[in-house]
Amino acid sequence: MPLNLGPLGESENRFRQGFSELSRNWVVVKEHWLDSQCKKFEQERLSSIGPALARMTAAIHSFESVVRRADRELSDPDRVSEHAD
């Protein structure tokens, strides 16, 4: 019976939607916050979110691929276990 990895993909989508919403809101806030603190906040707090999201997404895809492969191998009745006695 194949594993249900749907919740994993749904979580990834929620992260992406949250990031998109944050980006849209930041554009609005930034229009009214035009000082050095704004630049500092953007550089120190916001600039790392995009790359972190990309790394997380890549890790989720890699994890999902490994789990699917393991599930296929465990479901294959013809596969001989390498650890069989």
C-alpha atoms as a PDB file:
ATOM      1  CA  MET A   1       0.000   0.000   0.000  1.00  0.00           C
ATOM      2  CA  PRO A   2       1.627   3.276  -1.107  1.00  0.00           C
ATOM      3  CA  LEU A   3       2.319   5.946   1.457  1.00  0.00           C
ATOM      4  CA  ASN A   4       0.204   9.098   1.446  1.00  0.00           C
ATOM      5  CA  LEU A   5       2.708  11.921   0.999  1.00  0.00           C
ATOM      6  CA  GLY A   6      -0.003  14.464   0.216  1.00  0.00           C
ATOM      7  CA  PRO A   7       0.363  16.278   3.553  1.00  0.00           C
ATOM      8  CA  LEU A   8       4.048  16.845   2.802  1.00  0.00           C
ATOM      9  CA  GLY A   9       3.232  18.596  -0.470  1.00  0.00           C
ATOM     10  CA  GLU A  10       0.431  20.537   1.202  1.00  0.00           C
ATOM     11  CA  SER A  11       2.854  21.772   3.846  1.00  0.00           C
ATOM     12  CA  GLU A  12       5.281  22.906   1.175  1.00  0.00           C
ATOM     13  CA  ASN A  13       2.473  24.786  -0.564  1.00  0.00           C
ATOM     14  CA  ARG A  14       1.468  26.486   2.704  1.00  0.00           C
ATOM     15  CA  PHE A  15       5.065  27.628   3.209  1.00  0.00           C
ATOM     16  CA  ARG A  16       5.158  29.049  -0.308  1.00  0.00           C
ATOM     17  CA  GLN A  17       1.800  30.799   0.120  1.00  0.00           C
ATOM     18  CA  GLY A  18       2.929  32.241   3.450  1.00  0.00           C
ATOM     19  CA  PHE A  19       6.119  33.542   1.890  1.00  0.00           C
ATOM     20  CA  SER A  20       4.159  35.090  -0.986  1.00  0.00           C
ATOM     21  CA  GLU A  21       1.821  36.780   1.477  1.00  0.00           C
ATOM     22  CA  LEU A  22       4.765  38.063   3.515  1.00  0.00           C
ATOM     23  CA  SER A  23       6.361  39.454   0.340  1.00  0.00           C
ATOM     24  CA  ARG A  24       3.154  41.235  -0.693  1.00  0.00           C
ATOM     25  CA  ASN A  25       2.704  42.716   2.774  1.00  0.00           C
ATOM     26  CA  TRP A  26       6.334  43.809   2.941  1.00  0.00           C
ATOM     27  CA  VAL A  27       5.915  45.795  -0.277  1.00  0.00           C
ATOM     28  CA  VAL A  28       3.013  47.694   1.318  1.00  0.00           C
ATOM     29  CA  VAL A  29       4.867  48.302   4.592  1.00  0.00           C
ATOM     30  CA  LYS A  30       8.023  49.377   2.795  1.00  0.00           C
ATOM     31  CA  GLU A  31       6.115  52.143   0.964  1.00  0.00           C
ATOM     32  CA  HIS A  32       5.487  53.834   4.331  1.00  0.00           C
ATOM     33  CA  TRP A  33       8.687  52.938   6.158  1.00  0.00           C
ATOM     34  CA  LEU A  34      11.442  54.805   4.360  1.00  0.00           C
ATOM     35  CA  ASP A  35      14.371  55.104   6.736  1.00  0.00           C
ATOM     36  CA  SER A  36      17.605  53.340   7.628  1.00  0.00           C
ATOM     37  CA  GLN A  37      15.808  51.010  10.058  1.00  0.00           C
ATOM     38  CA  CYS A  38      13.733  49.701   7.148  1.00  0.00           C
ATOM     39  CA  LYS A  39      16.860  48.872   5.148  1.00  0.00           C
ATOM     40  CA  LYS A  40      18.489  47.295   8.195  1.00  0.00           C
ATOM     41  CA  PHE A  41      15.413  45.171   8.927  1.00  0.00           C
ATOM     42  CA  GLU A  42      15.213  44.066   5.308  1.00  0.00           C
ATOM     43  CA  GLN A  43      18.888  43.125   5.169  1.00  0.00           C
ATOM     44  CA  GLU A  44      19.150  41.476   8.587  1.00  0.00           C
ATOM     45  CA  ARG A  45      15.764  39.774   8.859  1.00  0.00           C
ATOM     46  CA  LEU A  46      14.084  39.358   5.485  1.00  0.00           C
ATOM     47  CA  SER A  47      16.878  38.734   2.998  1.00  0.00           C
ATOM     48  CA  SER A  48      17.585  35.201   4.242  1.00  0.00           C
ATOM     49  CA  ILE A  49      13.975  33.981   4.035  1.00  0.00           C
ATOM     50  CA  GLY A  50      13.903  33.374   0.259  1.00  0.00           C
ATOM     51  CA  PRO A  51      17.114  31.312   0.145  1.00  0.00           C
ATOM     52  CA  ALA A  52      16.045  29.388   3.262  1.00  0.00           C
ATOM     53  CA  LEU A  53      12.710  28.578   1.624  1.00  0.00           C
ATOM     54  CA  ALA A  54      14.521  27.340  -1.496  1.00  0.00           C
ATOM     55  CA  ARG A  55      16.756  25.070   0.617  1.00  0.00           C
ATOM     56  CA  MET A  56      13.763  23.759   2.553  1.00  0.00           C
ATOM     57  CA  THR A  57      11.838  23.051  -0.656  1.00  0.00           C
ATOM     58  CA  ALA A  58      14.813  21.158  -2.098  1.00  0.00           C
ATOM     59  CA  ALA A  59      15.087  19.120   1.110  1.00  0.00           C
ATOM     60  CA  ILE A  60      11.364  18.294   1.024  1.00  0.00           C
ATOM     61  CA  HIS A  61      11.630  17.125  -2.599  1.00  0.00           C
ATOM     62  CA  SER A  62      14.688  15.026  -1.801  1.00  0.00           C
ATOM     63  CA  PHE A  63      13.026  13.497   1.263  1.00  0.00           C
ATOM     64  CA  GLU A  64       9.848  12.744  -0.710  1.00  0.00           C
ATOM     65  CA  SER A  65      11.888  11.058  -3.440  1.00  0.00           C
ATOM     66  CA  VAL A  66      13.744   8.864  -0.947  1.00  0.00           C
ATOM     67  CA  VAL A  67      10.520   7.890   0.828  1.00  0.00           C
ATOM     68  CA  ARG A  68       8.782   7.016  -2.460  1.00  0.00           C
ATOM     69  CA  ARG A  69      11.753   4.909  -3.563  1.00  0.00           C
ATOM     70  CA  ALA A  70      11.887   3.108  -0.215  1.00  0.00           C
ATOM     71  CA  ASP A  71       8.137   2.514  -0.337  1.00  0.00           C
ATOM     72  CA  ARG A  72       8.415   1.000  -3.839  1.00  0.00           C
ATOM     73  CA  GLU A  73      11.282  -1.238  -2.790  1.00  0.00           C
ATOM     74  CA  LEU A  74       9.524  -2.392   0.370  1.00  0.00           C
ATOM     75  CA  SER A  75       6.341  -3.110  -1.599  1.00  0.00           C
ATOM     76  CA  ASP A  76       8.136  -5.229  -4.231  1.00  0.00           C
ATOM     77  CA  PRO A  77       7.588  -8.903  -3.312  1.00  0.00           C
ATOM     78  CA  ASP A  78      10.285  -9.994  -5.782  1.00  0.00           C
ATOM     79  CA  ARG A  79      12.967  -7.860  -4.169  1.00  0.00           C
ATOM     80  CA  VAL A  80      15.446  -9.938  -2.190  1.00  0.00           C
ATOM     81  CA  SER A  81      16.450  -8.347   1.071  1.00  0.00           C
ATOM     82  CA  GLU A  82      20.166  -7.625   1.356  1.00  0.00           C
ATOM     83  CA  HIS A  83      19.894  -8.245   5.090  1.00  0.00           C
ATOM     84  CA  ALA A  84      18.180 -11.642   4.891  1.00  0.00           C
ATOM     85  CA  ASP A  85      19.837 -14.416   6.880  1.00  0.00           C
END
